[in-house]
C-alpha atoms as a PDB file:
ATOM      1  CA  UNK A   1      57.732 -14.525   7.982  1.00  0.00           C
ATOM      2  CA  UNK A   2      54.783 -13.178   9.696  1.00  0.00           C
ATOM      3  CA  UNK A   3      51.613 -15.399  10.306  1.00  0.00           C
ATOM      4  CA  UNK A   4      49.611 -12.973   8.169  1.00  0.00           C
ATOM      5  CA  UNK A   5      49.682 -12.460   4.469  1.00  0.00           C
ATOM      6  CA  UNK A   6      50.915  -9.142   3.541  1.00  0.00           C
ATOM      7  CA  UNK A   7      48.844  -6.720   1.178  1.00  0.00           C
ATOM      8  CA  UNK A   8      50.781  -7.672  -2.035  1.00  0.00           C
ATOM      9  CA  UNK A   9      50.296 -11.449  -1.531  1.00  0.00           C
ATOM     10  CA  UNK A  10      46.601 -10.802  -0.553  1.00  0.00           C
ATOM     11  CA  UNK A  11      46.348  -9.280  -4.061  1.00  0.00           C
ATOM     12  CA  UNK A  12      47.913 -12.015  -5.945  1.00  0.00           C
ATOM     13  CA  UNK A  13      45.335 -14.677  -4.852  1.00  0.00           C
ATOM     14  CA  UNK A  14      42.391 -13.169  -6.738  1.00  0.00           C
ATOM     15  CA  UNK A  15      44.432 -12.239  -9.881  1.00  0.00           C
ATOM     16  CA  UNK A  16      45.551 -15.997 -10.044  1.00  0.00           C
ATOM     17  CA  UNK A  17      42.166 -17.466  -9.340  1.00  0.00           C
ATOM     18  CA  UNK A  18      40.112 -15.393 -11.745  1.00  0.00           C
ATOM     19  CA  UNK A  19      42.929 -15.753 -14.795  1.00  0.00           C
ATOM     20  CA  UNK A  20      42.581 -19.480 -14.021  1.00  0.00           C
ATOM     21  CA  UNK A  21      38.786 -19.372 -14.029  1.00  0.00           C
ATOM     22  CA  UNK A  22      38.511 -16.947 -16.933  1.00  0.00           C
ATOM     23  CA  UNK A  23      36.399 -14.308 -15.196  1.00  0.00           C
ATOM     24  CA  UNK A  24      37.461 -10.992 -16.929  1.00  0.00           C
ATOM     25  CA  UNK A  25      35.204  -8.789 -14.907  1.00  0.00           C
ATOM     26  CA  UNK A  26      36.482 -10.096 -11.785  1.00  0.00           C
ATOM     27  CA  UNK A  27      40.080 -10.256 -12.853  1.00  0.00           C
ATOM     28  CA  UNK A  28      39.898  -6.504 -13.923  1.00  0.00           C
ATOM     29  CA  UNK A  29      38.885  -5.528 -10.556  1.00  0.00           C
ATOM     30  CA  UNK A  30      41.589  -7.896  -8.832  1.00  0.00           C
ATOM     31  CA  UNK A  31      44.261  -6.440 -11.148  1.00  0.00           C
ATOM     32  CA  UNK A  32      43.393  -2.813 -10.292  1.00  0.00           C
ATOM     33  CA  UNK A  33      43.681  -3.716  -6.591  1.00  0.00           C
ATOM     34  CA  UNK A  34      46.727  -5.454  -7.098  1.00  0.00           C
ATOM     35  CA  UNK A  35      48.475  -2.485  -8.681  1.00  0.00           C
ATOM     36  CA  UNK A  36      47.019  -0.075  -5.999  1.00  0.00           C
ATOM     37  CA  UNK A  37      48.391  -2.514  -3.383  1.00  0.00           C
ATOM     38  CA  UNK A  38      51.993  -2.110  -4.905  1.00  0.00           C
ATOM     39  CA  UNK A  39      52.397  -4.903  -7.403  1.00  0.00           C
ATOM     40  CA  UNK A  40      54.554  -3.602 -10.057  1.00  0.00           C
ATOM     41  CA  UNK A  41      53.488  -4.166 -13.604  1.00  0.00           C
ATOM     42  CA  UNK A  42      56.377  -6.675 -14.215  1.00  0.00           C
ATOM     43  CA  UNK A  43      55.314  -8.527 -11.069  1.00  0.00           C
ATOM     44  CA  UNK A  44      51.606  -8.958 -12.344  1.00  0.00           C
ATOM     45  CA  UNK A  45      52.691  -9.724 -15.896  1.00  0.00           C
ATOM     46  CA  UNK A  46      55.060 -12.588 -14.376  1.00  0.00           C
ATOM     47  CA  UNK A  47      51.994 -14.018 -12.281  1.00  0.00           C
ATOM     48  CA  UNK A  48      49.801 -14.100 -15.453  1.00  0.00           C
ATOM     49  CA  UNK A  49      52.595 -15.684 -17.673  1.00  0.00           C
ATOM     50  CA  UNK A  50      53.394 -18.275 -15.177  1.00  0.00           C
ATOM     51  CA  UNK A  51      49.815 -19.421 -14.888  1.00  0.00           C
ATOM     52  CA  UNK A  52      50.077 -20.678 -18.684  1.00  0.00           C
ATOM     53  CA  UNK A  53      51.884 -23.534 -17.084  1.00  0.00           C
ATOM     54  CA  UNK A  54      49.070 -24.566 -14.878  1.00  0.00           C
ATOM     55  CA  UNK A  55      45.853 -23.234 -16.626  1.00  0.00           C
ATOM     56  CA  UNK A  56      46.904 -23.133 -20.340  1.00  0.00           C
ATOM     57  CA  UNK A  57      47.823 -20.308 -22.925  1.00  0.00           C
ATOM     58  CA  UNK A  58      44.354 -19.326 -23.448  1.00  0.00           C
ATOM     59  CA  UNK A  59      43.870 -18.378 -19.830  1.00  0.00           C
ATOM     60  CA  UNK A  60      47.119 -16.444 -19.517  1.00  0.00           C
ATOM     61  CA  UNK A  61      46.949 -14.736 -22.854  1.00  0.00           C
ATOM     62  CA  UNK A  62      43.356 -13.430 -21.982  1.00  0.00           C
ATOM     63  CA  UNK A  63      44.682 -12.289 -18.384  1.00  0.00           C
ATOM     64  CA  UNK A  64      47.450 -10.281 -20.126  1.00  0.00           C
ATOM     65  CA  UNK A  65      45.053  -8.682 -22.479  1.00  0.00           C
ATOM     66  CA  UNK A  66      42.784  -7.840 -19.538  1.00  0.00           C
ATOM     67  CA  UNK A  67      45.878  -6.264 -17.814  1.00  0.00           C
ATOM     68  CA  UNK A  68      46.756  -4.205 -20.960  1.00  0.00           C
ATOM     69  CA  UNK A  69      43.263  -2.812 -20.797  1.00  0.00           C
ATOM     70  CA  UNK A  70      43.360  -2.094 -17.099  1.00  0.00           C
ATOM     71  CA  UNK A  71      46.878  -0.314 -17.549  1.00  0.00           C
ATOM     72  CA  UNK A  72      45.544   1.997 -20.380  1.00  0.00           C
ATOM     73  CA  UNK A  73      42.619   3.084 -18.543  1.00  0.00           C
ATOM     74  CA  UNK A  74      44.721   3.779 -15.428  1.00  0.00           C
ATOM     75  CA  UNK A  75      47.109   5.742 -17.579  1.00  0.00           C
ATOM     76  CA  UNK A  76      43.987   7.901 -19.072  1.00  0.00           C
ATOM     77  CA  UNK A  77      43.183   8.430 -15.413  1.00  0.00           C
ATOM     78  CA  UNK A  78      46.772   9.766 -14.815  1.00  0.00           C
ATOM     79  CA  UNK A  79      47.829   6.775 -12.879  1.00  0.00           C
ATOM     80  CA  UNK A  80      51.251   5.769 -13.789  1.00  0.00           C
ATOM     81  CA  UNK A  81      52.301   2.140 -12.405  1.00  0.00           C
ATOM     82  CA  UNK A  82      55.852   1.502 -11.989  1.00  0.00           C
ATOM     83  CA  UNK A  83      57.250  -1.157 -14.197  1.00  0.00           C
ATOM     84  CA  UNK A  84      59.445  -2.690 -11.597  1.00  0.00           C
ATOM     85  CA  UNK A  85      62.430  -4.863 -12.140  1.00  0.00           C
ATOM     86  CA  UNK A  86      62.951  -7.059 -15.154  1.00  0.00           C
ATOM     87  CA  UNK A  87      64.255 -10.680 -14.999  1.00  0.00           C
ATOM     88  CA  UNK A  88      67.941 -11.151 -14.932  1.00  0.00           C
ATOM     89  CA  UNK A  89      69.277 -12.750 -17.874  1.00  0.00           C
ATOM     90  CA  UNK A  90      70.627 -16.245 -17.522  1.00  0.00           C
ATOM     91  CA  UNK A  91      74.407 -16.866 -18.544  1.00  0.00           C
ATOM     92  CA  UNK A  92      75.332 -18.182 -22.075  1.00  0.00           C
ATOM     93  CA  UNK A  93      76.171 -21.601 -20.608  1.00  0.00           C
ATOM     94  CA  UNK A  94      72.868 -21.871 -18.705  1.00  0.00           C
ATOM     95  CA  UNK A  95      71.512 -25.536 -18.443  1.00  0.00           C
ATOM     96  CA  UNK A  96      67.751 -25.239 -17.789  1.00  0.00           C
ATOM     97  CA  UNK A  97      67.373 -29.184 -17.147  1.00  0.00           C
ATOM     98  CA  UNK A  98      70.292 -29.141 -14.653  1.00  0.00           C
ATOM     99  CA  UNK A  99      68.987 -25.793 -12.876  1.00  0.00           C
ATOM    100  CA  UNK A 100      65.637 -27.070 -12.868  1.00  0.00           C
ATOM    101  CA  UNK A 101      66.286 -30.404 -11.488  1.00  0.00           C
ATOM    102  CA  UNK A 102      68.191 -28.552  -8.587  1.00  0.00           C
ATOM    103  CA  UNK A 103      65.269 -26.089  -8.149  1.00  0.00           C
ATOM    104  CA  UNK A 104      62.533 -28.868  -8.170  1.00  0.00           C
ATOM    105  CA  UNK A 105      64.468 -30.973  -5.545  1.00  0.00           C
ATOM    106  CA  UNK A 106      65.037 -27.952  -3.468  1.00  0.00           C
ATOM    107  CA  UNK A 107      61.366 -26.925  -3.686  1.00  0.00           C
ATOM    108  CA  UNK A 108      59.942 -30.363  -2.794  1.00  0.00           C
ATOM    109  CA  UNK A 109      62.675 -31.076  -0.457  1.00  0.00           C
ATOM    110  CA  UNK A 110      63.863 -34.280  -2.296  1.00  0.00           C
ATOM    111  CA  UNK A 111      64.378 -35.397  -5.784  1.00  0.00           C
ATOM    112  CA  UNK A 112      61.177 -36.087  -7.554  1.00  0.00           C
ATOM    113  CA  UNK A 113      60.601 -39.538  -9.356  1.00  0.00           C
ATOM    114  CA  UNK A 114      58.034 -42.137  -9.743  1.00  0.00           C
ATOM    115  CA  UNK A 115      56.073 -44.345 -11.944  1.00  0.00           C
ATOM    116  CA  UNK A 116      54.266 -41.587 -14.062  1.00  0.00           C
ATOM    117  CA  UNK A 117      57.596 -39.947 -14.992  1.00  0.00           C
ATOM    118  CA  UNK A 118      59.050 -43.615 -15.895  1.00  0.00           C
ATOM    119  CA  UNK A 119      55.848 -43.888 -18.234  1.00  0.00           C
ATOM    120  CA  UNK A 120      56.172 -40.626 -19.561  1.00  0.00           C
ATOM    121  CA  UNK A 121      59.658 -39.249 -19.299  1.00  0.00           C
ATOM    122  CA  UNK A 122      59.164 -36.371 -21.726  1.00  0.00           C
ATOM    123  CA  UNK A 123      56.773 -34.769 -19.229  1.00  0.00           C
ATOM    124  CA  UNK A 124      59.462 -35.055 -16.415  1.00  0.00           C
ATOM    125  CA  UNK A 125      61.975 -33.360 -18.621  1.00  0.00           C
ATOM    126  CA  UNK A 126      59.434 -30.335 -19.411  1.00  0.00           C
ATOM    127  CA  UNK A 127      58.556 -29.949 -15.685  1.00  0.00           C
ATOM    128  CA  UNK A 128      62.270 -29.776 -14.694  1.00  0.00           C
ATOM    129  CA  UNK A 129      63.911 -28.113 -17.800  1.00  0.00           C
ATOM    130  CA  UNK A 130      61.066 -25.416 -18.518  1.00  0.00           C
ATOM    131  CA  UNK A 131      58.902 -25.031 -15.142  1.00  0.00           C
ATOM    132  CA  UNK A 132      61.556 -25.162 -12.927  1.00  0.00           C
ATOM    133  CA  UNK A 133      64.393 -24.486 -14.998  1.00  0.00           C
ATOM    134  CA  UNK A 134      62.948 -21.534 -17.112  1.00  0.00           C
ATOM    135  CA  UNK A 135      60.049 -19.949 -15.321  1.00  0.00           C
ATOM    136  CA  UNK A 136      60.882 -20.468 -11.698  1.00  0.00           C
ATOM    137  CA  UNK A 137      64.408 -19.135 -12.430  1.00  0.00           C
ATOM    138  CA  UNK A 138      63.081 -15.745 -13.529  1.00  0.00           C
ATOM    139  CA  UNK A 139      63.664 -13.397 -10.603  1.00  0.00           C
ATOM    140  CA  UNK A 140      60.948 -10.993 -10.984  1.00  0.00           C
ATOM    141  CA  UNK A 141      59.005 -12.870  -8.552  1.00  0.00           C
ATOM    142  CA  UNK A 142      60.376 -14.961  -5.555  1.00  0.00           C
ATOM    143  CA  UNK A 143      59.460 -18.604  -4.838  1.00  0.00           C
ATOM    144  CA  UNK A 144      56.736 -17.913  -2.160  1.00  0.00           C
ATOM    145  CA  UNK A 145      54.817 -15.612  -4.513  1.00  0.00           C
ATOM    146  CA  UNK A 146      54.927 -18.269  -7.277  1.00  0.00           C
ATOM    147  CA  UNK A 147      53.739 -20.732  -5.065  1.00  0.00           C
ATOM    148  CA  UNK A 148      50.963 -18.617  -3.843  1.00  0.00           C
ATOM    149  CA  UNK A 149      49.694 -17.930  -7.575  1.00  0.00           C
ATOM    150  CA  UNK A 150      50.011 -21.596  -8.131  1.00  0.00           C
ATOM    151  CA  UNK A 151      47.882 -22.715  -5.302  1.00  0.00           C
ATOM    152  CA  UNK A 152      45.509 -20.057  -6.243  1.00  0.00           C
ATOM    153  CA  UNK A 153      45.104 -21.366  -9.562  1.00  0.00           C
ATOM    154  CA  UNK A 154      44.953 -25.068  -8.757  1.00  0.00           C
ATOM    155  CA  UNK A 155      42.562 -24.512  -6.040  1.00  0.00           C
ATOM    156  CA  UNK A 156      39.861 -22.939  -8.332  1.00  0.00           C
ATOM    157  CA  UNK A 157      40.437 -25.299 -11.281  1.00  0.00           C
ATOM    158  CA  UNK A 158      39.112 -28.323  -9.605  1.00  0.00           C
ATOM    159  CA  UNK A 159      39.866 -31.978  -9.986  1.00  0.00           C
ATOM    160  CA  UNK A 160      43.611 -31.433  -9.274  1.00  0.00           C
ATOM    161  CA  UNK A 161      43.881 -32.055  -5.549  1.00  0.00           C
ATOM    162  CA  UNK A 162      47.051 -34.043  -5.809  1.00  0.00           C
ATOM    163  CA  UNK A 163      48.936 -31.417  -7.625  1.00  0.00           C
ATOM    164  CA  UNK A 164      47.081 -28.739  -4.887  1.00  0.00           C
ATOM    165  CA  UNK A 165      48.545 -30.919  -2.237  1.00  0.00           C
ATOM    166  CA  UNK A 166      51.922 -30.908  -3.545  1.00  0.00           C
ATOM    167  CA  UNK A 167      52.117 -27.325  -3.981  1.00  0.00           C
ATOM    168  CA  UNK A 168      50.678 -26.597  -0.337  1.00  0.00           C
ATOM    169  CA  UNK A 169      53.833 -28.692   0.697  1.00  0.00           C
ATOM    170  CA  UNK A 170      56.001 -26.646  -1.524  1.00  0.00           C
ATOM    171  CA  UNK A 171      54.560 -23.436   0.051  1.00  0.00           C
ATOM    172  CA  UNK A 172      55.421 -24.829   3.521  1.00  0.00           C
ATOM    173  CA  UNK A 173      58.926 -25.591   2.356  1.00  0.00           C
ATOM    174  CA  UNK A 174      59.607 -22.178   0.906  1.00  0.00           C
ATOM    175  CA  UNK A 175      58.512 -20.481   4.060  1.00  0.00           C
ATOM    176  CA  UNK A 176      54.660 -20.034   4.378  1.00  0.00           C
ATOM    177  CA  UNK A 177      53.349 -20.852   7.787  1.00  0.00           C
ATOM    178  CA  UNK A 178      50.285 -22.845   8.481  1.00  0.00           C
ATOM    179  CA  UNK A 179      48.227 -19.971   9.548  1.00  0.00           C
ATOM    180  CA  UNK A 180      49.116 -18.034   6.457  1.00  0.00           C
ATOM    181  CA  UNK A 181      47.779 -20.971   4.325  1.00  0.00           C
ATOM    182  CA  UNK A 182      44.674 -21.083   6.425  1.00  0.00           C
ATOM    183  CA  UNK A 183      44.119 -17.409   5.971  1.00  0.00           C
ATOM    184  CA  UNK A 184      44.631 -18.232   2.174  1.00  0.00           C
ATOM    185  CA  UNK A 185      41.861 -20.517   2.108  1.00  0.00           C
ATOM    186  CA  UNK A 186      39.546 -17.996   4.029  1.00  0.00           C
ATOM    187  CA  UNK A 187      40.399 -15.357   1.278  1.00  0.00           C
ATOM    188  CA  UNK A 188      39.444 -18.145  -1.334  1.00  0.00           C
ATOM    189  CA  UNK A 189      36.131 -18.303   0.596  1.00  0.00           C
ATOM    190  CA  UNK A 190      35.613 -14.458   0.149  1.00  0.00           C
ATOM    191  CA  UNK A 191      36.508 -14.255  -3.446  1.00  0.00           C
ATOM    192  CA  UNK A 192      35.524 -17.600  -4.884  1.00  0.00           C
ATOM    193  CA  UNK A 193      32.960 -19.211  -2.762  1.00  0.00           C
ATOM    194  CA  UNK A 194      32.856 -21.671   0.005  1.00  0.00           C
ATOM    195  CA  UNK A 195      32.910 -25.066  -2.084  1.00  0.00           C
ATOM    196  CA  UNK A 196      36.174 -24.116  -3.419  1.00  0.00           C
ATOM    197  CA  UNK A 197      37.501 -22.975   0.201  1.00  0.00           C
ATOM    198  CA  UNK A 198      36.343 -25.934   1.711  1.00  0.00           C
ATOM    199  CA  UNK A 199      37.989 -28.111  -0.618  1.00  0.00           C
ATOM    200  CA  UNK A 200      41.283 -26.268  -0.377  1.00  0.00           C
ATOM    201  CA  UNK A 201      41.177 -26.265   3.381  1.00  0.00           C
ATOM    202  CA  UNK A 202      40.477 -30.032   3.286  1.00  0.00           C
ATOM    203  CA  UNK A 203      43.633 -30.392   1.070  1.00  0.00           C
ATOM    204  CA  UNK A 204      45.709 -28.284   3.292  1.00  0.00           C
ATOM    205  CA  UNK A 205      44.735 -30.038   6.391  1.00  0.00           C
ATOM    206  CA  UNK A 206      46.582 -33.323   4.854  1.00  0.00           C
ATOM    207  CA  UNK A 207      49.730 -31.130   4.900  1.00  0.00           C
ATOM    208  CA  UNK A 208      49.590 -29.557   8.316  1.00  0.00           C
END
């Protein structure tokens, strides 16, 4: 993997960030830029859909509504954006909890357990079965792109540095280089301001 983020990766960062913060005007511009950079409609939809797991259904639904409006305007201008690939259906005997447990272990680098999950086992099951067993199995996006969207959202939400640190570590596990994640924090500064970027860089420094 290059030491630089490519154009499509660069486009994911503000899309995820402005969806998480609920800034429709900035999101509209980011969506147009992402489609112009070569993201397919299904890839953008997938980013927006995944984010409900990190910033809630309202932000995700508002992001999808914004994308609908952007696509309508682009079509009126004669711009036809490619739909892109659809997700591959899972087999009829698919076990989301088993698959998600394996995926989570692969992403993190070891099985995930701890007092929090002993205290609230339901959230452990939901994380494994739904987030990692359903969402992360959808092959419209690869895992690096999913992690880039995730750290973009977590970085701007505030108050979630523990989760941001975990996902920076996962980002390194799925192939991002430290230089790329440093570039990511610089991009955050450009789009979201110095305070957010400085916090993200401080968290990242704990991982590299």
